[in-house]
Amino acid sequence: MNKSKKVIFVIVLLVMLTIIGIIIVKVFGNRHSSEVEDDDKFTVVTSFYPMYIAALNVTDGADINLYNLSEPETGCLHDYQLTTDDMKLLSNADVFIINGLGMEAFLDDVMKQYPKLRIINASVGIESLNEPHSNEEDEHEEEHEHEEGHEDEGPNAHVWMSVANHIKQVDNIRIGLRDANPSNASLYNENASNYISKLEQLKAKVDNSLNGKKVVLFSEAYEYLAKDFGLDVRAILDLDEEKNISAREIADTVDVVRKDQVPLIIAEKEYGEKMANAVMGETGIVSVYLDTIIRGEYDKDAYINRMNSNIDLLKEALK
């Protein structure tokens, strides 16, 4: 290889290494769980994405450490297993902000490991919905299951999908941080007030224009948004990577769509598109894919921007 070719080869190699470095920073730089600063600053850890974005707004400008646990690769936190990095984060935390309502299935393990860790439950005082079922035709089977001693799965923990509920979550986070870190109390109060004002403007877009419109949901997360809009939910299939939907549930959903002339499926694209296409092919129904806001960029306006998009897409689909 002559000298000029060697120079070109080195330049190309350096460019490639630079690009790879940028990609690594882009992918992993926002996890916030791999770089724990060993200092005396007040340290806040959040359980997952929507709690982090809320805390990011409330603590803006405060000289503290704010981290988020390692995010699940798919779905919510129901079956999430804590990593070594997570446990290291929590060992240095002053407070741990959780969604609550059973979302953090690992919470008992955390409390056993760190009994003195202060927990801020963002969903205190929020009335949750029960876990939805696929449709009314399953009621008899459910009654039989109760007779056999089976228990309900618990509350629907996706309360942040209601803007009104999320406003309450932000205020709960404010109160928890104010009490745990009084030196920054006035800043937390001011930040929360400013952020809640923005959320109130978003909430104003959730009006009665869709009241009574019939829909089918392909995720339990959308039940809160549907309730806020007054939608008539005719059937629910809770689709994620862990759920096996039976042929009977699909057939029942198709029957409901046909019988009740339901015009719209609300689904998450990652898990619901294949099923939505199947039901659409059978019935002629259309679908809209909304964001469950469980992962994404660590930006203060992320929740508002993405929920605003959800609201606009839903209104457009049902106009």
C-alpha atoms as a PDB file:
ATOM      1  CA  MET A   1       0.000   0.000   0.000  1.00  0.00           C
ATOM      2  CA  ASN A   2       1.565   3.316  -1.038  1.00  0.00           C
ATOM      3  CA  LYS A   3       1.750   6.347   1.212  1.00  0.00           C
ATOM      4  CA  SER A   4      -1.271   8.178  -0.247  1.00  0.00           C
ATOM      5  CA  LYS A   5      -3.476   5.097   0.079  1.00  0.00           C
ATOM      6  CA  LYS A   6      -2.355   4.651   3.673  1.00  0.00           C
ATOM      7  CA  VAL A   7      -3.305   8.248   4.460  1.00  0.00           C
ATOM      8  CA  ILE A   8      -6.743   7.776   2.873  1.00  0.00           C
ATOM      9  CA  PHE A   9      -7.230   4.526   4.780  1.00  0.00           C
ATOM     10  CA  VAL A  10      -6.383   6.209   8.105  1.00  0.00           C
ATOM     11  CA  ILE A  11      -8.719   9.134   7.380  1.00  0.00           C
ATOM     12  CA  VAL A  12     -11.597   6.791   6.488  1.00  0.00           C
ATOM     13  CA  LEU A  13     -10.950   4.726   9.620  1.00  0.00           C
ATOM     14  CA  LEU A  14     -10.975   7.814  11.831  1.00  0.00           C
ATOM     15  CA  VAL A  15     -14.221   9.044  10.263  1.00  0.00           C
ATOM     16  CA  MET A  16     -15.844   5.664  10.829  1.00  0.00           C
ATOM     17  CA  LEU A  17     -14.715   5.577  14.460  1.00  0.00           C
ATOM     18  CA  THR A  18     -16.071   9.085  14.978  1.00  0.00           C
ATOM     19  CA  ILE A  19     -19.448   8.117  13.521  1.00  0.00           C
ATOM     20  CA  ILE A  20     -19.580   5.000  15.686  1.00  0.00           C
ATOM     21  CA  GLY A  21     -18.759   7.122  18.749  1.00  0.00           C
ATOM     22  CA  ILE A  22     -21.563   9.553  17.933  1.00  0.00           C
ATOM     23  CA  ILE A  23     -24.036   6.677  17.538  1.00  0.00           C
ATOM     24  CA  ILE A  24     -23.016   5.169  20.872  1.00  0.00           C
ATOM     25  CA  VAL A  25     -23.475   8.504  22.636  1.00  0.00           C
ATOM     26  CA  LYS A  26     -26.848   8.981  20.932  1.00  0.00           C
ATOM     27  CA  VAL A  27     -28.125   5.554  21.913  1.00  0.00           C
ATOM     28  CA  PHE A  28     -26.746   5.271  25.420  1.00  0.00           C
ATOM     29  CA  GLY A  29     -26.077   8.838  26.498  1.00  0.00           C
ATOM     30  CA  ASN A  30     -29.648   9.456  27.618  1.00  0.00           C
ATOM     31  CA  ARG A  31     -30.007   6.439  29.840  1.00  0.00           C
ATOM     32  CA  HIS A  32     -28.808   8.497  32.833  1.00  0.00           C
ATOM     33  CA  SER A  33     -28.199   5.290  34.770  1.00  0.00           C
ATOM     34  CA  SER A  34     -24.641   4.459  33.780  1.00  0.00           C
ATOM     35  CA  GLU A  35     -22.867   7.598  35.012  1.00  0.00           C
ATOM     36  CA  VAL A  36     -23.516   7.932  38.723  1.00  0.00           C
ATOM     37  CA  GLU A  37     -21.722  10.924  40.158  1.00  0.00           C
ATOM     38  CA  ASP A  38     -20.064  10.228  43.494  1.00  0.00           C
ATOM     39  CA  ASP A  39     -20.773  13.506  45.302  1.00  0.00           C
ATOM     40  CA  ASP A  40     -22.907  14.932  48.091  1.00  0.00           C
ATOM     41  CA  LYS A  41     -25.618  16.397  45.871  1.00  0.00           C
ATOM     42  CA  PHE A  42     -29.249  15.550  46.512  1.00  0.00           C
ATOM     43  CA  THR A  43     -29.967  12.601  44.215  1.00  0.00           C
ATOM     44  CA  VAL A  44     -33.313  11.785  42.614  1.00  0.00           C
ATOM     45  CA  VAL A  45     -33.996   8.549  40.730  1.00  0.00           C
ATOM     46  CA  THR A  46     -37.149   7.942  38.697  1.00  0.00           C
ATOM     47  CA  SER A  47     -38.625   4.577  37.825  1.00  0.00           C
ATOM     48  CA  PHE A  48     -39.280   5.158  34.123  1.00  0.00           C
ATOM     49  CA  TYR A  49     -39.717   7.659  31.323  1.00  0.00           C
ATOM     50  CA  PRO A  50     -42.912   9.638  32.143  1.00  0.00           C
ATOM     51  CA  MET A  51     -41.783  10.040  35.758  1.00  0.00           C
ATOM     52  CA  TYR A  52     -38.393  11.268  34.584  1.00  0.00           C
ATOM     53  CA  ILE A  53     -39.878  13.907  32.274  1.00  0.00           C
ATOM     54  CA  ALA A  54     -42.131  15.158  35.075  1.00  0.00           C
ATOM     55  CA  ALA A  55     -39.214  15.305  37.529  1.00  0.00           C
ATOM     56  CA  LEU A  56     -37.028  16.992  34.900  1.00  0.00           C
ATOM     57  CA  ASN A  57     -39.517  19.863  34.764  1.00  0.00           C
ATOM     58  CA  VAL A  58     -39.999  20.143  38.518  1.00  0.00           C
ATOM     59  CA  THR A  59     -36.244  20.138  39.270  1.00  0.00           C
ATOM     60  CA  ASP A  60     -35.175  22.384  36.389  1.00  0.00           C
ATOM     61  CA  GLY A  61     -32.299  24.598  37.521  1.00  0.00           C
ATOM     62  CA  ALA A  62     -31.766  22.816  40.848  1.00  0.00           C
ATOM     63  CA  ASP A  63     -28.216  21.748  41.688  1.00  0.00           C
ATOM     64  CA  ILE A  64     -29.085  18.084  42.125  1.00  0.00           C
ATOM     65  CA  ASN A  65     -28.485  14.744  40.433  1.00  0.00           C
ATOM     66  CA  LEU A  66     -31.433  13.374  38.458  1.00  0.00           C
ATOM     67  CA  TYR A  67     -31.341   9.878  36.978  1.00  0.00           C
ATOM     68  CA  ASN A  68     -33.723   7.423  35.386  1.00  0.00           C
ATOM     69  CA  LEU A  69     -33.575   3.658  35.785  1.00  0.00           C
ATOM     70  CA  SER A  70     -32.508   1.577  32.812  1.00  0.00           C
ATOM     71  CA  GLU A  71     -35.477   1.581  30.494  1.00  0.00           C
ATOM     72  CA  PRO A  72     -37.246  -1.639  29.511  1.00  0.00           C
ATOM     73  CA  GLU A  73     -36.475  -2.777  26.002  1.00  0.00           C
ATOM     74  CA  THR A  74     -40.159  -3.258  25.284  1.00  0.00           C
ATOM     75  CA  GLY A  75     -43.455  -2.495  26.988  1.00  0.00           C
ATOM     76  CA  CYS A  76     -43.984  -1.026  30.435  1.00  0.00           C
ATOM     77  CA  LEU A  77     -42.451  -1.952  33.778  1.00  0.00           C
ATOM     78  CA  HIS A  78     -44.823  -4.770  34.761  1.00  0.00           C
ATOM     79  CA  ASP A  79     -42.233  -7.513  34.293  1.00  0.00           C
ATOM     80  CA  TYR A  80     -39.088  -5.419  34.402  1.00  0.00           C
ATOM     81  CA  GLN A  81     -36.086  -6.888  36.224  1.00  0.00           C
ATOM     82  CA  LEU A  82     -33.736  -4.483  37.996  1.00  0.00           C
ATOM     83  CA  THR A  83     -30.202  -4.376  36.617  1.00  0.00           C
ATOM     84  CA  THR A  84     -26.915  -4.001  38.496  1.00  0.00           C
ATOM     85  CA  ASP A  85     -26.772  -0.384  37.295  1.00  0.00           C
ATOM     86  CA  ASP A  86     -30.271   0.192  38.662  1.00  0.00           C
ATOM     87  CA  MET A  87     -29.311  -1.096  42.098  1.00  0.00           C
ATOM     88  CA  LYS A  88     -26.173   1.054  42.072  1.00  0.00           C
ATOM     89  CA  LEU A  89     -28.291   4.097  41.266  1.00  0.00           C
ATOM     90  CA  LEU A  90     -30.752   3.365  44.056  1.00  0.00           C
ATOM     91  CA  SER A  91     -27.984   2.803  46.585  1.00  0.00           C
ATOM     92  CA  ASN A  92     -26.972   6.463  46.097  1.00  0.00           C
ATOM     93  CA  ALA A  93     -30.501   7.909  45.855  1.00  0.00           C
ATOM     94  CA  ASP A  94     -32.134  10.250  48.351  1.00  0.00           C
ATOM     95  CA  VAL A  95     -35.562   9.737  46.806  1.00  0.00           C
ATOM     96  CA  PHE A  96     -37.098   7.334  44.322  1.00  0.00           C
ATOM     97  CA  ILE A  97     -40.031   8.640  42.274  1.00  0.00           C
ATOM     98  CA  ILE A  98     -42.457   5.957  41.130  1.00  0.00           C
ATOM     99  CA  ASN A  99     -45.690   5.888  39.147  1.00  0.00           C
ATOM    100  CA  GLY A 100     -47.285   3.506  41.644  1.00  0.00           C
ATOM    101  CA  LEU A 101     -50.518   1.515  41.274  1.00  0.00           C
ATOM    102  CA  GLY A 102     -48.500  -1.652  40.762  1.00  0.00           C
ATOM    103  CA  MET A 103     -46.559  -0.406  37.744  1.00  0.00           C
ATOM    104  CA  GLU A 104     -43.228  -1.002  39.488  1.00  0.00           C
ATOM    105  CA  ALA A 105     -43.545  -4.715  40.198  1.00  0.00           C
ATOM    106  CA  PHE A 106     -39.995  -4.692  41.549  1.00  0.00           C
ATOM    107  CA  LEU A 107     -40.787  -2.167  44.298  1.00  0.00           C
ATOM    108  CA  ASP A 108     -40.904  -4.749  47.102  1.00  0.00           C
ATOM    109  CA  ASP A 109     -37.365  -5.835  46.224  1.00  0.00           C
ATOM    110  CA  VAL A 110     -36.187  -2.224  46.285  1.00  0.00           C
ATOM    111  CA  MET A 111     -37.761  -1.571  49.686  1.00  0.00           C
ATOM    112  CA  LYS A 112     -36.232  -4.743  51.138  1.00  0.00           C
ATOM    113  CA  GLN A 113     -32.803  -3.819  49.818  1.00  0.00           C
ATOM    114  CA  TYR A 114     -33.040  -0.134  50.770  1.00  0.00           C
ATOM    115  CA  PRO A 115     -35.581   0.182  53.608  1.00  0.00           C
ATOM    116  CA  LYS A 116     -34.607   3.804  54.340  1.00  0.00           C
ATOM    117  CA  LEU A 117     -35.010   4.986  50.737  1.00  0.00           C
ATOM    118  CA  ARG A 118     -37.660   7.702  50.491  1.00  0.00           C
ATOM    119  CA  ILE A 119     -40.370   6.808  47.961  1.00  0.00           C
ATOM    120  CA  ILE A 120     -42.441   9.465  46.186  1.00  0.00           C
ATOM    121  CA  ASN A 121     -45.580   7.847  44.768  1.00  0.00           C
ATOM    122  CA  ALA A 122     -46.781  10.114  41.955  1.00  0.00           C
ATOM    123  CA  SER A 123     -50.234   8.518  41.827  1.00  0.00           C
ATOM    124  CA  VAL A 124     -51.339   9.185  45.407  1.00  0.00           C
ATOM    125  CA  GLY A 125     -54.933  10.443  45.382  1.00  0.00           C
ATOM    126  CA  ILE A 126     -55.588   9.437  41.762  1.00  0.00           C
ATOM    127  CA  GLU A 127     -58.592   7.209  41.140  1.00  0.00           C
ATOM    128  CA  SER A 128     -57.427   4.406  38.865  1.00  0.00           C
ATOM    129  CA  LEU A 129     -59.451   2.359  36.431  1.00  0.00           C
ATOM    130  CA  ASN A 130     -59.638  -1.392  36.848  1.00  0.00           C
ATOM    131  CA  GLU A 131     -57.772  -3.574  34.383  1.00  0.00           C
ATOM    132  CA  PRO A 132     -59.961  -3.670  31.238  1.00  0.00           C
ATOM    133  CA  HIS A 133     -61.309  -6.864  29.702  1.00  0.00           C
ATOM    134  CA  SER A 134     -61.672  -7.644  26.024  1.00  0.00           C
ATOM    135  CA  ASN A 135     -65.443  -7.151  25.851  1.00  0.00           C
ATOM    136  CA  GLU A 136     -68.727  -7.710  27.650  1.00  0.00           C
ATOM    137  CA  GLU A 137     -69.145 -11.233  26.317  1.00  0.00           C
ATOM    138  CA  ASP A 138     -66.326 -12.391  28.605  1.00  0.00           C
ATOM    139  CA  GLU A 139     -68.215 -11.409  31.778  1.00  0.00           C
ATOM    140  CA  HIS A 140     -69.669 -14.868  32.384  1.00  0.00           C
ATOM    141  CA  GLU A 141     -66.248 -16.474  32.018  1.00  0.00           C
ATOM    142  CA  GLU A 142     -64.745 -13.888  34.395  1.00  0.00           C
ATOM    143  CA  GLU A 143     -67.421 -14.596  36.996  1.00  0.00           C
ATOM    144  CA  HIS A 144     -66.554 -18.274  36.753  1.00  0.00           C
ATOM    145  CA  GLU A 145     -62.875 -17.478  37.243  1.00  0.00           C
ATOM    146  CA  HIS A 146     -63.691 -15.515  40.396  1.00  0.00           C
ATOM    147  CA  GLU A 147     -65.658 -18.488  41.708  1.00  0.00           C
ATOM    148  CA  GLU A 148     -62.573 -20.630  41.142  1.00  0.00           C
ATOM    149  CA  GLY A 149     -60.533 -18.229  43.276  1.00  0.00           C
ATOM    150  CA  HIS A 150     -58.719 -16.181  40.627  1.00  0.00           C
ATOM    151  CA  GLU A 151     -57.988 -12.573  41.481  1.00  0.00           C
ATOM    152  CA  ASP A 152     -58.246  -9.417  39.400  1.00  0.00           C
ATOM    153  CA  GLU A 153     -54.995  -8.261  37.829  1.00  0.00           C
ATOM    154  CA  GLY A 154     -55.244  -4.966  39.712  1.00  0.00           C
ATOM    155  CA  PRO A 155     -55.655  -1.323  38.732  1.00  0.00           C
ATOM    156  CA  ASN A 156     -54.803   0.099  35.343  1.00  0.00           C
ATOM    157  CA  ALA A 157     -51.566   1.897  36.204  1.00  0.00           C
ATOM    158  CA  HIS A 158     -51.254   3.973  32.996  1.00  0.00           C
ATOM    159  CA  VAL A 159     -52.679   7.080  34.698  1.00  0.00           C
ATOM    160  CA  TRP A 160     -50.212   9.470  32.996  1.00  0.00           C
ATOM    161  CA  MET A 161     -52.197   8.926  29.787  1.00  0.00           C
ATOM    162  CA  SER A 162     -54.818  11.254  31.256  1.00  0.00           C
ATOM    163  CA  VAL A 163     -53.552  14.841  31.229  1.00  0.00           C
ATOM    164  CA  ALA A 164     -55.664  15.611  34.292  1.00  0.00           C
ATOM    165  CA  ASN A 165     -54.116  12.698  36.150  1.00  0.00           C
ATOM    166  CA  HIS A 166     -50.623  13.685  35.064  1.00  0.00           C
ATOM    167  CA  ILE A 167     -51.148  17.171  36.461  1.00  0.00           C
ATOM    168  CA  LYS A 168     -51.856  15.525  39.816  1.00  0.00           C
ATOM    169  CA  GLN A 169     -48.735  13.379  39.400  1.00  0.00           C
ATOM    170  CA  VAL A 170     -46.592  16.461  38.808  1.00  0.00           C
ATOM    171  CA  ASP A 171     -48.022  18.091  41.933  1.00  0.00           C
ATOM    172  CA  ASN A 172     -47.369  14.935  43.975  1.00  0.00           C
ATOM    173  CA  ILE A 173     -43.760  14.980  42.757  1.00  0.00           C
ATOM    174  CA  ARG A 174     -43.494  18.650  43.714  1.00  0.00           C
ATOM    175  CA  ILE A 175     -44.763  17.974  47.235  1.00  0.00           C
ATOM    176  CA  GLY A 176     -42.511  14.959  47.683  1.00  0.00           C
ATOM    177  CA  LEU A 177     -39.389  16.788  46.519  1.00  0.00           C
ATOM    178  CA  ARG A 178     -40.246  19.899  48.523  1.00  0.00           C
ATOM    179  CA  ASP A 179     -40.495  17.865  51.717  1.00  0.00           C
ATOM    180  CA  ALA A 180     -37.400  15.768  50.995  1.00  0.00           C
ATOM    181  CA  ASN A 181     -35.205  18.650  49.847  1.00  0.00           C
ATOM    182  CA  PRO A 182     -36.426  21.858  51.573  1.00  0.00           C
ATOM    183  CA  SER A 183     -33.461  23.933  50.391  1.00  0.00           C
ATOM    184  CA  ASN A 184     -34.903  23.813  46.851  1.00  0.00           C
ATOM    185  CA  ALA A 185     -38.570  23.967  47.883  1.00  0.00           C
ATOM    186  CA  SER A 186     -39.291  27.391  46.368  1.00  0.00           C
ATOM    187  CA  LEU A 187     -37.720  26.376  43.049  1.00  0.00           C
ATOM    188  CA  TYR A 188     -39.712  23.132  42.937  1.00  0.00           C
ATOM    189  CA  ASN A 189     -42.911  25.038  43.673  1.00  0.00           C
ATOM    190  CA  GLU A 190     -42.235  27.599  40.946  1.00  0.00           C
ATOM    191  CA  ASN A 191     -41.199  25.012  38.348  1.00  0.00           C
ATOM    192  CA  ALA A 192     -44.195  22.800  39.054  1.00  0.00           C
ATOM    193  CA  SER A 193     -46.560  25.761  38.831  1.00  0.00           C
ATOM    194  CA  ASN A 194     -45.126  26.774  35.443  1.00  0.00           C
ATOM    195  CA  TYR A 195     -45.244  23.230  34.094  1.00  0.00           C
ATOM    196  CA  ILE A 196     -48.771  22.619  35.352  1.00  0.00           C
ATOM    197  CA  SER A 197     -49.874  25.817  33.580  1.00  0.00           C
ATOM    198  CA  LYS A 198     -48.621  24.307  30.316  1.00  0.00           C
ATOM    199  CA  LEU A 199     -50.347  21.006  31.101  1.00  0.00           C
ATOM    200  CA  GLU A 200     -53.596  22.857  31.820  1.00  0.00           C
ATOM    201  CA  GLN A 201     -53.444  24.349  28.327  1.00  0.00           C
ATOM    202  CA  LEU A 202     -52.991  20.849  26.941  1.00  0.00           C
ATOM    203  CA  LYS A 203     -55.853  19.562  29.079  1.00  0.00           C
ATOM    204  CA  ALA A 204     -58.128  22.226  27.557  1.00  0.00           C
ATOM    205  CA  LYS A 205     -57.796  20.433  24.198  1.00  0.00           C
ATOM    206  CA  VAL A 206     -59.461  17.360  25.726  1.00  0.00           C
ATOM    207  CA  ASP A 207     -63.031  18.556  25.180  1.00  0.00           C
ATOM    208  CA  ASN A 208     -66.455  16.989  24.583  1.00  0.00           C
ATOM    209  CA  SER A 209     -66.146  17.001  20.788  1.00  0.00           C
ATOM    210  CA  LEU A 210     -65.712  13.202  20.714  1.00  0.00           C
ATOM    211  CA  ASN A 211     -68.191  12.368  23.460  1.00  0.00           C
ATOM    212  CA  GLY A 212     -70.025   9.094  22.770  1.00  0.00           C
ATOM    213  CA  LYS A 213     -67.914   8.085  19.760  1.00  0.00           C
ATOM    214  CA  LYS A 214     -67.444   4.323  19.618  1.00  0.00           C
ATOM    215  CA  VAL A 215     -63.936   2.872  19.643  1.00  0.00           C
ATOM    216  CA  VAL A 216     -62.016  -0.357  20.187  1.00  0.00           C
ATOM    217  CA  LEU A 217     -58.787  -0.178  22.189  1.00  0.00           C
ATOM    218  CA  PHE A 218     -55.758  -2.371  21.549  1.00  0.00           C
ATOM    219  CA  SER A 219     -53.958  -1.269  24.727  1.00  0.00           C
ATOM    220  CA  GLU A 220     -55.190  -0.681  28.251  1.00  0.00           C
ATOM    221  CA  ALA A 221     -53.113   2.516  28.341  1.00  0.00           C
ATOM    222  CA  TYR A 222     -55.603   4.307  26.084  1.00  0.00           C
ATOM    223  CA  GLU A 223     -58.507   3.741  28.460  1.00  0.00           C
ATOM    224  CA  TYR A 224     -57.647   6.916  30.376  1.00  0.00           C
ATOM    225  CA  LEU A 225     -57.539   9.088  27.261  1.00  0.00           C
ATOM    226  CA  ALA A 226     -60.783   7.492  26.078  1.00  0.00           C
ATOM    227  CA  LYS A 227     -62.433   8.267  29.437  1.00  0.00           C
ATOM    228  CA  ASP A 228     -61.299  11.901  29.345  1.00  0.00           C
ATOM    229  CA  PHE A 229     -62.847  12.342  25.888  1.00  0.00           C
ATOM    230  CA  GLY A 230     -66.019  10.481  26.841  1.00  0.00           C
ATOM    231  CA  LEU A 231     -65.460   7.815  24.192  1.00  0.00           C
ATOM    232  CA  ASP A 232     -67.685   4.740  24.174  1.00  0.00           C
ATOM    233  CA  VAL A 233     -65.202   1.871  24.459  1.00  0.00           C
ATOM    234  CA  ARG A 234     -66.870  -1.213  23.000  1.00  0.00           C
ATOM    235  CA  ALA A 235     -63.983  -3.689  23.345  1.00  0.00           C
ATOM    236  CA  ILE A 236     -60.414  -3.865  24.596  1.00  0.00           C
ATOM    237  CA  LEU A 237     -57.583  -6.141  23.532  1.00  0.00           C
ATOM    238  CA  ASP A 238     -54.536  -5.488  25.668  1.00  0.00           C
ATOM    239  CA  LEU A 239     -51.687  -6.178  23.269  1.00  0.00           C
ATOM    240  CA  ASP A 240     -48.024  -6.252  24.228  1.00  0.00           C
ATOM    241  CA  GLU A 241     -45.033  -8.539  23.857  1.00  0.00           C
ATOM    242  CA  GLU A 242     -46.174 -10.721  26.775  1.00  0.00           C
ATOM    243  CA  LYS A 243     -49.836 -11.223  25.920  1.00  0.00           C
ATOM    244  CA  ASN A 244     -51.204 -14.112  23.903  1.00  0.00           C
ATOM    245  CA  ILE A 245     -54.547 -13.100  22.445  1.00  0.00           C
ATOM    246  CA  SER A 246     -56.874 -16.019  21.818  1.00  0.00           C
ATOM    247  CA  ALA A 247     -58.747 -16.673  18.581  1.00  0.00           C
ATOM    248  CA  ARG A 248     -61.961 -16.272  20.542  1.00  0.00           C
ATOM    249  CA  GLU A 249     -60.974 -12.758  21.714  1.00  0.00           C
ATOM    250  CA  ILE A 250     -60.227 -11.743  18.140  1.00  0.00           C
ATOM    251  CA  ALA A 251     -63.502 -13.190  16.878  1.00  0.00           C
ATOM    252  CA  ASP A 252     -65.442 -11.493  19.668  1.00  0.00           C
ATOM    253  CA  THR A 253     -63.816  -8.170  18.848  1.00  0.00           C
ATOM    254  CA  VAL A 254     -64.699  -8.536  15.169  1.00  0.00           C
ATOM    255  CA  ASP A 255     -68.289  -9.338  16.165  1.00  0.00           C
ATOM    256  CA  VAL A 256     -68.494  -6.241  18.372  1.00  0.00           C
ATOM    257  CA  VAL A 257     -67.115  -4.011  15.621  1.00  0.00           C
ATOM    258  CA  ARG A 258     -69.677  -5.345  13.157  1.00  0.00           C
ATOM    259  CA  LYS A 259     -72.651  -5.366  15.517  1.00  0.00           C
ATOM    260  CA  ASP A 260     -72.020  -1.918  17.015  1.00  0.00           C
ATOM    261  CA  GLN A 261     -70.646  -0.362  13.811  1.00  0.00           C
ATOM    262  CA  VAL A 262     -67.498   0.820  15.574  1.00  0.00           C
ATOM    263  CA  PRO A 263     -65.532   3.175  13.294  1.00  0.00           C
ATOM    264  CA  LEU A 264     -62.088   3.220  14.938  1.00  0.00           C
ATOM    265  CA  ILE A 265     -59.366   1.090  16.524  1.00  0.00           C
ATOM    266  CA  ILE A 266     -56.926   2.911  18.818  1.00  0.00           C
ATOM    267  CA  ALA A 267     -53.652   1.002  18.950  1.00  0.00           C
ATOM    268  CA  GLU A 268     -49.925   1.219  19.583  1.00  0.00           C
ATOM    269  CA  LYS A 269     -48.126   0.668  16.291  1.00  0.00           C
ATOM    270  CA  GLU A 270     -45.392  -1.581  17.703  1.00  0.00           C
ATOM    271  CA  TYR A 271     -47.791  -4.165  19.125  1.00  0.00           C
ATOM    272  CA  GLY A 272     -51.133  -3.412  17.527  1.00  0.00           C
ATOM    273  CA  GLU A 273     -50.534  -2.910  13.817  1.00  0.00           C
ATOM    274  CA  LYS A 274     -50.673  -6.574  12.806  1.00  0.00           C
ATOM    275  CA  MET A 275     -53.866  -7.214  14.774  1.00  0.00           C
ATOM    276  CA  ALA A 276     -55.410  -3.955  13.588  1.00  0.00           C
ATOM    277  CA  ASN A 277     -54.750  -4.914   9.976  1.00  0.00           C
ATOM    278  CA  ALA A 278     -56.451  -8.273  10.558  1.00  0.00           C
ATOM    279  CA  VAL A 279     -59.563  -6.695  12.093  1.00  0.00           C
ATOM    280  CA  MET A 280     -59.592  -3.941   9.472  1.00  0.00           C
ATOM    281  CA  GLY A 281     -59.511  -6.579   6.736  1.00  0.00           C
ATOM    282  CA  GLU A 282     -62.493  -8.359   8.281  1.00  0.00           C
ATOM    283  CA  THR A 283     -64.627  -5.304   9.042  1.00  0.00           C
ATOM    284  CA  GLY A 284     -63.502  -2.226   7.111  1.00  0.00           C
ATOM    285  CA  ILE A 285     -62.804  -0.369  10.376  1.00  0.00           C
ATOM    286  CA  VAL A 286     -59.917   2.135  10.392  1.00  0.00           C
ATOM    287  CA  SER A 287     -57.168   2.554  12.983  1.00  0.00           C
ATOM    288  CA  VAL A 288     -55.121   5.316  14.593  1.00  0.00           C
ATOM    289  CA  TYR A 289     -51.793   4.665  16.285  1.00  0.00           C
ATOM    290  CA  LEU A 290     -51.128   6.683  19.422  1.00  0.00           C
ATOM    291  CA  ASP A 291     -48.083   7.054  21.652  1.00  0.00           C
ATOM    292  CA  THR A 292     -48.097   5.510  25.141  1.00  0.00           C
ATOM    293  CA  ILE A 293     -45.157   7.787  26.111  1.00  0.00           C
ATOM    294  CA  ILE A 294     -43.108   5.125  27.891  1.00  0.00           C
ATOM    295  CA  ARG A 295     -39.733   5.885  26.312  1.00  0.00           C
ATOM    296  CA  GLY A 296     -38.089   8.533  24.170  1.00  0.00           C
ATOM    297  CA  GLU A 297     -35.853  11.597  24.215  1.00  0.00           C
ATOM    298  CA  TYR A 298     -35.027  13.199  27.567  1.00  0.00           C
ATOM    299  CA  ASP A 299     -36.565  16.558  26.748  1.00  0.00           C
ATOM    300  CA  LYS A 300     -38.654  18.712  29.100  1.00  0.00           C
ATOM    301  CA  ASP A 301     -41.400  19.202  26.507  1.00  0.00           C
ATOM    302  CA  ALA A 302     -41.561  15.549  25.463  1.00  0.00           C
ATOM    303  CA  TYR A 303     -44.767  14.678  27.326  1.00  0.00           C
ATOM    304  CA  ILE A 304     -46.607  17.791  26.166  1.00  0.00           C
ATOM    305  CA  ASN A 305     -45.514  17.435  22.545  1.00  0.00           C
ATOM    306  CA  ARG A 306     -46.342  13.750  22.308  1.00  0.00           C
ATOM    307  CA  MET A 307     -49.660  13.945  24.131  1.00  0.00           C
ATOM    308  CA  ASN A 308     -50.591  16.947  21.995  1.00  0.00           C
ATOM    309  CA  SER A 309     -49.919  14.785  18.937  1.00  0.00           C
ATOM    310  CA  ASN A 310     -52.091  12.003  20.400  1.00  0.00           C
ATOM    311  CA  ILE A 311     -54.982  14.401  20.914  1.00  0.00           C
ATOM    312  CA  ASP A 312     -54.709  15.848  17.401  1.00  0.00           C
ATOM    313  CA  LEU A 313     -54.506  12.395  15.788  1.00  0.00           C
ATOM    314  CA  LEU A 314     -57.521  11.154  17.738  1.00  0.00           C
ATOM    315  CA  LYS A 315     -59.636  14.182  16.872  1.00  0.00           C
ATOM    316  CA  GLU A 316     -58.693  13.899  13.213  1.00  0.00           C
ATOM    317  CA  ALA A 317     -59.555  10.183  13.113  1.00  0.00           C
ATOM    318  CA  LEU A 318     -63.010  10.707  14.661  1.00  0.00           C
ATOM    319  CA  LYS A 319     -64.025  14.017  13.118  1.00  0.00           C
END
